[in-house]
PDB file of N, CA and C in Angstrom:
ATOM      1  N   MET A   1     189.299 121.012 110.361  1.00  0.00           N
ATOM      2  CA  MET A   1     190.403 121.732 109.742  1.00  0.00           C
ATOM      3  C   MET A   1     189.967 123.170 109.444  1.00  0.00           C
ATOM      4  N   VAL A   2     189.228 123.379 108.360  1.00  0.00           N
ATOM      5  CA  VAL A   2     188.846 124.721 107.997  1.00  0.00           C
ATOM      6  C   VAL A   2     187.790 125.310 108.968  1.00  0.00           C
ATOM      7  N   PRO A   3     186.831 124.504 109.449  1.00  0.00           N
ATOM      8  CA  PRO A   3     185.852 125.098 110.382  1.00  0.00           C
ATOM      9  C   PRO A   3     186.533 125.575 111.677  1.00  0.00           C
ATOM     10  N   SER A   4     187.620 124.962 112.045  1.00  0.00           N
ATOM     11  CA  SER A   4     188.303 125.399 113.261  1.00  0.00           C
ATOM     12  C   SER A   4     188.846 126.809 113.121  1.00  0.00           C
ATOM     13  N   VAL A   5     189.165 127.206 111.902  1.00  0.00           N
ATOM     14  CA  VAL A   5     189.624 128.580 111.634  1.00  0.00           C
ATOM     15  C   VAL A   5     188.464 129.571 111.929  1.00  0.00           C
ATOM     16  N   GLY A   6     187.284 129.218 111.414  1.00  0.00           N
ATOM     17  CA  GLY A   6     186.116 130.055 111.674  1.00  0.00           C
ATOM     18  C   GLY A   6     185.777 130.145 113.149  1.00  0.00           C
ATOM     19  N   VAL A   7     185.870 129.019 113.866  1.00  0.00           N
ATOM     20  CA  VAL A   7     185.559 129.017 115.253  1.00  0.00           C
ATOM     21  C   VAL A   7     186.595 129.838 116.042  1.00  0.00           C
ATOM     22  N   THR A   8     187.824 129.727 115.679  1.00  0.00           N
ATOM     23  CA  THR A   8     188.893 130.504 116.319  1.00  0.00           C
ATOM     24  C   THR A   8     188.709 132.020 116.081  1.00  0.00           C
ATOM     25  N   ILE A   9     188.381 132.392 114.883  1.00  0.00           N
ATOM     26  CA  ILE A   9     188.141 133.814 114.587  1.00  0.00           C
ATOM     27  C   ILE A   9     186.940 134.317 115.392  1.00  0.00           C
ATOM     28  N   ALA A  10     185.884 133.539 115.484  1.00  0.00           N
ATOM     29  CA  ALA A  10     184.714 134.000 116.234  1.00  0.00           C
ATOM     30  C   ALA A  10     185.015 134.063 117.738  1.00  0.00           C
ATOM     31  N   LYS A  11     185.845 133.175 118.266  1.00  0.00           N
ATOM     32  CA  LYS A  11     186.204 133.240 119.694  1.00  0.00           C
ATOM     33  C   LYS A  11     187.114 134.437 119.978  1.00  0.00           C
ATOM     34  N   LEU A  12     188.019 134.725 119.044  1.00  0.00           N
ATOM     35  CA  LEU A  12     188.906 135.874 119.224  1.00  0.00           C
ATOM     36  C   LEU A  12     188.127 137.177 119.165  1.00  0.00           C
ATOM     37  N   LEU A  13     187.067 137.200 118.398  1.00  0.00           N
ATOM     38  CA  LEU A  13     186.235 138.432 118.321  1.00  0.00           C
ATOM     39  C   LEU A  13     185.264 138.501 119.466  1.00  0.00           C
ATOM     40  N   GLY A  14     185.177 137.471 120.264  1.00  0.00           N
ATOM     41  CA  GLY A  14     184.304 137.485 121.457  1.00  0.00           C
ATOM     42  C   GLY A  14     182.841 137.233 121.116  1.00  0.00           C
ATOM     43  N   TRP A  15     182.538 136.597 120.042  1.00  0.00           N
ATOM     44  CA  TRP A  15     181.131 136.342 119.657  1.00  0.00           C
ATOM     45  C   TRP A  15     180.578 135.186 120.470  1.00  0.00           C
ATOM     46  N   GLY A  16     179.249 135.077 120.483  1.00  0.00           N
ATOM     47  CA  GLY A  16     178.574 134.048 121.288  1.00  0.00           C
ATOM     48  C   GLY A  16     178.705 132.649 120.642  1.00  0.00           C
ATOM     49  N   GLN A  17     178.090 131.732 121.342  1.00  0.00           N
ATOM     50  CA  GLN A  17     178.159 130.323 120.914  1.00  0.00           C
ATOM     51  C   GLN A  17     177.473 130.052 119.597  1.00  0.00           C
ATOM     52  N   VAL A  18     176.281 130.627 119.406  1.00  0.00           N
ATOM     53  CA  VAL A  18     175.522 130.410 118.186  1.00  0.00           C
ATOM     54  C   VAL A  18     176.238 130.998 116.978  1.00  0.00           C
ATOM     55  N   THR A  19     176.761 132.189 117.162  1.00  0.00           N
ATOM     56  CA  THR A  19     177.544 132.832 116.092  1.00  0.00           C
ATOM     57  C   THR A  19     178.791 132.043 115.773  1.00  0.00           C
ATOM     58  N   THR A  20     179.432 131.494 116.781  1.00  0.00           N
ATOM     59  CA  THR A  20     180.599 130.685 116.573  1.00  0.00           C
ATOM     60  C   THR A  20     180.300 129.418 115.721  1.00  0.00           C
ATOM     61  N   LEU A  21     179.137 128.794 116.005  1.00  0.00           N
ATOM     62  CA  LEU A  21     178.763 127.666 115.197  1.00  0.00           C
ATOM     63  C   LEU A  21     178.428 128.083 113.732  1.00  0.00           C
ATOM     64  N   TYR A  22     177.775 129.236 113.613  1.00  0.00           N
ATOM     65  CA  TYR A  22     177.519 129.737 112.249  1.00  0.00           C
ATOM     66  C   TYR A  22     178.800 130.028 111.489  1.00  0.00           C
ATOM     67  N   MET A  23     179.841 130.506 112.161  1.00  0.00           N
ATOM     68  CA  MET A  23     181.140 130.764 111.526  1.00  0.00           C
ATOM     69  C   MET A  23     181.729 129.451 111.054  1.00  0.00           C
ATOM     70  N   GLY A  24     181.619 128.428 111.890  1.00  0.00           N
ATOM     71  CA  GLY A  24     182.128 127.108 111.484  1.00  0.00           C
ATOM     72  C   GLY A  24     181.417 126.560 110.233  1.00  0.00           C
ATOM     73  N   GLY A  25     180.103 126.737 110.222  1.00  0.00           N
ATOM     74  CA  GLY A  25     179.320 126.305 109.049  1.00  0.00           C
ATOM     75  C   GLY A  25     179.633 127.129 107.812  1.00  0.00           C
ATOM     76  N   LEU A  26     179.893 128.424 107.998  1.00  0.00           N
ATOM     77  CA  LEU A  26     180.228 129.287 106.874  1.00  0.00           C
ATOM     78  C   LEU A  26     181.577 128.897 106.301  1.00  0.00           C
ATOM     79  N   PHE A  27     182.529 128.573 107.129  1.00  0.00           N
ATOM     80  CA  PHE A  27     183.835 128.149 106.643  1.00  0.00           C
ATOM     81  C   PHE A  27     183.766 126.762 105.962  1.00  0.00           C
ATOM     82  N   ASN A  28     182.853 125.889 106.471  1.00  0.00           N
ATOM     83  CA  ASN A  28     182.602 124.603 105.806  1.00  0.00           C
ATOM     84  C   ASN A  28     182.065 124.848 104.378  1.00  0.00           C
ATOM     85  N   LEU A  29     181.116 125.750 104.300  1.00  0.00           N
ATOM     86  CA  LEU A  29     180.530 126.041 102.983  1.00  0.00           C
ATOM     87  C   LEU A  29     181.578 126.650 102.038  1.00  0.00           C
ATOM     88  N   THR A  30     182.419 127.509 102.606  1.00  0.00           N
ATOM     89  CA  THR A  30     183.505 128.098 101.768  1.00  0.00           C
ATOM     90  C   THR A  30     184.433 127.035 101.238  1.00  0.00           C
ATOM     91  N   LEU A  31     184.802 126.096 102.095  1.00  0.00           N
ATOM     92  CA  LEU A  31     185.678 124.980 101.702  1.00  0.00           C
ATOM     93  C   LEU A  31     185.014 124.133 100.589  1.00  0.00           C
ATOM     94  N   SER A  32     183.711 123.876 100.739  1.00  0.00           N
ATOM     95  CA  SER A  32     183.007 123.084  99.771  1.00  0.00           C
ATOM     96  C   SER A  32     182.953 123.795  98.417  1.00  0.00           C
ATOM     97  N   LEU A  33     182.631 125.069  98.457  1.00  0.00           N
ATOM     98  CA  LEU A  33     182.592 125.824  97.186  1.00  0.00           C
ATOM     99  C   LEU A  33     183.939 125.936  96.520  1.00  0.00           C
ATOM    100  N   PHE A  34     185.003 126.021  97.293  1.00  0.00           N
ATOM    101  CA  PHE A  34     186.357 126.063  96.722  1.00  0.00           C
ATOM    102  C   PHE A  34     186.717 124.749  96.049  1.00  0.00           C
ATOM    103  N   ILE A  35     186.360 123.625  96.716  1.00  0.00           N
ATOM    104  CA  ILE A  35     186.608 122.310  96.133  1.00  0.00           C
ATOM    105  C   ILE A  35     185.750 122.133  94.823  1.00  0.00           C
ATOM    106  N   LEU A  36     184.524 122.600  94.861  1.00  0.00           N
ATOM    107  CA  LEU A  36     183.689 122.543  93.689  1.00  0.00           C
ATOM    108  C   LEU A  36     184.273 123.378  92.572  1.00  0.00           C
ATOM    109  N   TYR A  37     184.794 124.530  92.861  1.00  0.00           N
ATOM    110  CA  TYR A  37     185.410 125.397  91.838  1.00  0.00           C
ATOM    111  C   TYR A  37     186.624 124.697  91.209  1.00  0.00           C
ATOM    112  N   ILE A  38     187.488 124.125  92.022  1.00  0.00           N
ATOM    113  CA  ILE A  38     188.660 123.405  91.511  1.00  0.00           C
ATOM    114  C   ILE A  38     188.230 122.228  90.650  1.00  0.00           C
ATOM    115  N   THR A  39     187.171 121.496  91.079  1.00  0.00           N
ATOM    116  CA  THR A  39     186.690 120.372  90.319  1.00  0.00           C
ATOM    117  C   THR A  39     186.149 120.817  88.964  1.00  0.00           C
ATOM    118  N   ILE A  40     185.406 121.877  88.944  1.00  0.00           N
ATOM    119  CA  ILE A  40     184.832 122.372  87.676  1.00  0.00           C
ATOM    120  C   ILE A  40     185.949 122.819  86.757  1.00  0.00           C
ATOM    121  N   ARG A  41     186.998 123.413  87.285  1.00  0.00           N
ATOM    122  CA  ARG A  41     188.097 123.898  86.441  1.00  0.00           C
ATOM    123  C   ARG A  41     188.872 122.750  85.853  1.00  0.00           C
ATOM    124  N   ILE A  42     188.987 121.654  86.530  1.00  0.00           N
ATOM    125  CA  ILE A  42     189.863 120.532  86.113  1.00  0.00           C
ATOM    126  C   ILE A  42     189.141 119.573  85.182  1.00  0.00           C
ATOM    127  N   THR A  43     187.903 119.207  85.473  1.00  0.00           N
ATOM    128  CA  THR A  43     187.241 118.137  84.700  1.00  0.00           C
ATOM    129  C   THR A  43     186.625 118.614  83.402  1.00  0.00           C
ATOM    130  N   PRO A  44     186.488 117.669  82.465  1.00  0.00           N
ATOM    131  CA  PRO A  44     185.842 118.047  81.202  1.00  0.00           C
ATOM    132  C   PRO A  44     184.299 118.074  81.347  1.00  0.00           C
ATOM    133  N   PHE A  45     183.729 117.538  82.423  1.00  0.00           N
ATOM    134  CA  PHE A  45     182.292 117.493  82.622  1.00  0.00           C
ATOM    135  C   PHE A  45     181.858 118.678  83.475  1.00  0.00           C
ATOM    136  N   LYS A  46     182.095 119.857  83.020  1.00  0.00           N
ATOM    137  CA  LYS A  46     181.859 121.075  83.825  1.00  0.00           C
ATOM    138  C   LYS A  46     180.391 121.261  84.164  1.00  0.00           C
ATOM    139  N   THR A  47     179.490 121.039  83.174  1.00  0.00           N
ATOM    140  CA  THR A  47     178.074 121.248  83.435  1.00  0.00           C
ATOM    141  C   THR A  47     177.560 120.250  84.460  1.00  0.00           C
ATOM    142  N   LEU A  48     177.942 118.997  84.364  1.00  0.00           N
ATOM    143  CA  LEU A  48     177.495 117.980  85.317  1.00  0.00           C
ATOM    144  C   LEU A  48     177.903 118.314  86.737  1.00  0.00           C
ATOM    145  N   PHE A  49     179.131 118.661  86.950  1.00  0.00           N
ATOM    146  CA  PHE A  49     179.612 118.988  88.301  1.00  0.00           C
ATOM    147  C   PHE A  49     178.980 120.264  88.816  1.00  0.00           C
ATOM    148  N   CYS A  50     178.756 121.213  87.962  1.00  0.00           N
ATOM    149  CA  CYS A  50     178.128 122.453  88.350  1.00  0.00           C
ATOM    150  C   CYS A  50     176.711 122.196  88.800  1.00  0.00           C
ATOM    151  N   LEU A  51     175.945 121.399  88.067  1.00  0.00           N
ATOM    152  CA  LEU A  51     174.579 121.101  88.449  1.00  0.00           C
ATOM    153  C   LEU A  51     174.505 120.241  89.730  1.00  0.00           C
ATOM    154  N   LEU A  52     175.391 119.299  89.846  1.00  0.00           N
ATOM    155  CA  LEU A  52     175.391 118.471  91.053  1.00  0.00           C
ATOM    156  C   LEU A  52     175.882 119.256  92.296  1.00  0.00           C
ATOM    157  N   GLY A  53     176.762 120.192  92.068  1.00  0.00           N
ATOM    158  CA  GLY A  53     177.322 120.938  93.182  1.00  0.00           C
ATOM    159  C   GLY A  53     176.403 121.962  93.778  1.00  0.00           C
ATOM    160  N   ILE A  54     175.404 122.389  93.033  1.00  0.00           N
ATOM    161  CA  ILE A  54     174.504 123.440  93.542  1.00  0.00           C
ATOM    162  C   ILE A  54     173.120 122.908  93.909  1.00  0.00           C
ATOM    163  N   THR A  55     172.996 121.564  94.015  1.00  0.00           N
ATOM    164  CA  THR A  55     171.716 121.013  94.473  1.00  0.00           C
ATOM    165  C   THR A  55     171.493 121.384  95.932  1.00  0.00           C
ATOM    166  N   PRO A  56     170.235 121.489  96.361  1.00  0.00           N
ATOM    167  CA  PRO A  56     169.958 121.896  97.766  1.00  0.00           C
ATOM    168  C   PRO A  56     170.560 120.999  98.788  1.00  0.00           C
ATOM    169  N   PHE A  57     170.585 119.674  98.522  1.00  0.00           N
ATOM    170  CA  PHE A  57     171.111 118.748  99.552  1.00  0.00           C
ATOM    171  C   PHE A  57     172.602 118.965  99.724  1.00  0.00           C
ATOM    172  N   VAL A  58     173.346 119.167  98.671  1.00  0.00           N
ATOM    173  CA  VAL A  58     174.786 119.387  98.765  1.00  0.00           C
ATOM    174  C   VAL A  58     175.043 120.693  99.529  1.00  0.00           C
ATOM    175  N   LEU A  59     174.303 121.713  99.205  1.00  0.00           N
ATOM    176  CA  LEU A  59     174.514 122.998  99.919  1.00  0.00           C
ATOM    177  C   LEU A  59     174.105 122.878 101.383  1.00  0.00           C
ATOM    178  N   HIS A  60     173.083 122.124 101.695  1.00  0.00           N
ATOM    179  CA  HIS A  60     172.652 121.917 103.077  1.00  0.00           C
ATOM    180  C   HIS A  60     173.707 121.183 103.881  1.00  0.00           C
ATOM    181  N   ILE A  61     174.266 120.122 103.328  1.00  0.00           N
ATOM    182  CA  ILE A  61     175.326 119.368 103.997  1.00  0.00           C
ATOM    183  C   ILE A  61     176.602 120.185 104.142  1.00  0.00           C
ATOM    184  N   SER A  62     176.915 120.960 103.068  1.00  0.00           N
ATOM    185  CA  SER A  62     178.136 121.769 103.106  1.00  0.00           C
ATOM    186  C   SER A  62     178.058 122.930 104.088  1.00  0.00           C
ATOM    187  N   GLY A  63     176.889 123.452 104.350  1.00  0.00           N
ATOM    188  CA  GLY A  63     176.764 124.571 105.244  1.00  0.00           C
ATOM    189  C   GLY A  63     176.684 124.138 106.708  1.00  0.00           C
ATOM    190  N   GLY A  64     176.596 122.864 106.998  1.00  0.00           N
ATOM    191  CA  GLY A  64     176.503 122.406 108.384  1.00  0.00           C
ATOM    192  C   GLY A  64     177.827 122.406 109.064  1.00  0.00           C
ATOM    193  N   PHE A  65     177.796 122.241 110.386  1.00  0.00           N
ATOM    194  CA  PHE A  65     179.001 122.238 111.188  1.00  0.00           C
ATOM    195  C   PHE A  65     179.311 120.787 111.590  1.00  0.00           C
ATOM    196  N   SER A  66     179.881 120.010 110.691  1.00  0.00           N
ATOM    197  CA  SER A  66     180.246 118.645 110.995  1.00  0.00           C
ATOM    198  C   SER A  66     181.374 118.215 110.093  1.00  0.00           C
ATOM    199  N   TYR A  67     181.837 116.991 110.267  1.00  0.00           N
ATOM    200  CA  TYR A  67     182.890 116.454 109.433  1.00  0.00           C
ATOM    201  C   TYR A  67     182.440 115.936 108.106  1.00  0.00           C
ATOM    202  N   ASP A  68     181.139 115.991 107.834  1.00  0.00           N
ATOM    203  CA  ASP A  68     180.586 115.480 106.591  1.00  0.00           C
ATOM    204  C   ASP A  68     181.189 116.178 105.364  1.00  0.00           C
ATOM    205  N   ILE A  69     181.448 117.421 105.483  1.00  0.00           N
ATOM    206  CA  ILE A  69     182.005 118.171 104.309  1.00  0.00           C
ATOM    207  C   ILE A  69     183.354 117.643 103.938  1.00  0.00           C
ATOM    208  N   THR A  70     184.228 117.342 104.893  1.00  0.00           N
ATOM    209  CA  THR A  70     185.543 116.857 104.535  1.00  0.00           C
ATOM    210  C   THR A  70     185.533 115.363 104.067  1.00  0.00           C
ATOM    211  N   ILE A  71     184.523 114.643 104.522  1.00  0.00           N
ATOM    212  CA  ILE A  71     184.441 113.202 104.134  1.00  0.00           C
ATOM    213  C   ILE A  71     183.783 113.039 102.820  1.00  0.00           C
ATOM    214  N   ASN A  72     182.639 113.751 102.612  1.00  0.00           N
ATOM    215  CA  ASN A  72     181.813 113.547 101.403  1.00  0.00           C
ATOM    216  C   ASN A  72     182.222 114.407 100.213  1.00  0.00           C
ATOM    217  N   THR A  73     183.147 115.324 100.358  1.00  0.00           N
ATOM    218  CA  THR A  73     183.496 116.169  99.252  1.00  0.00           C
ATOM    219  C   THR A  73     184.677 115.631  98.497  1.00  0.00           C
TER     220      THR A  73
END
């Protein structure tokens, strides 16, 4: 969904394959951070979700180019 927007933008700009994959990962990370922001705003456990959301594993999975971000978030 969201990574396809990044891939489409990179293809329209004529960027290479590696840069296109990086754009997909960047848009995945953006989606994950947006979902984390909404979650922190809604829930009463703001500190817990903030600490869990910025762990290295979550950021690593979120920045990748796969469907894991939409399934695990």
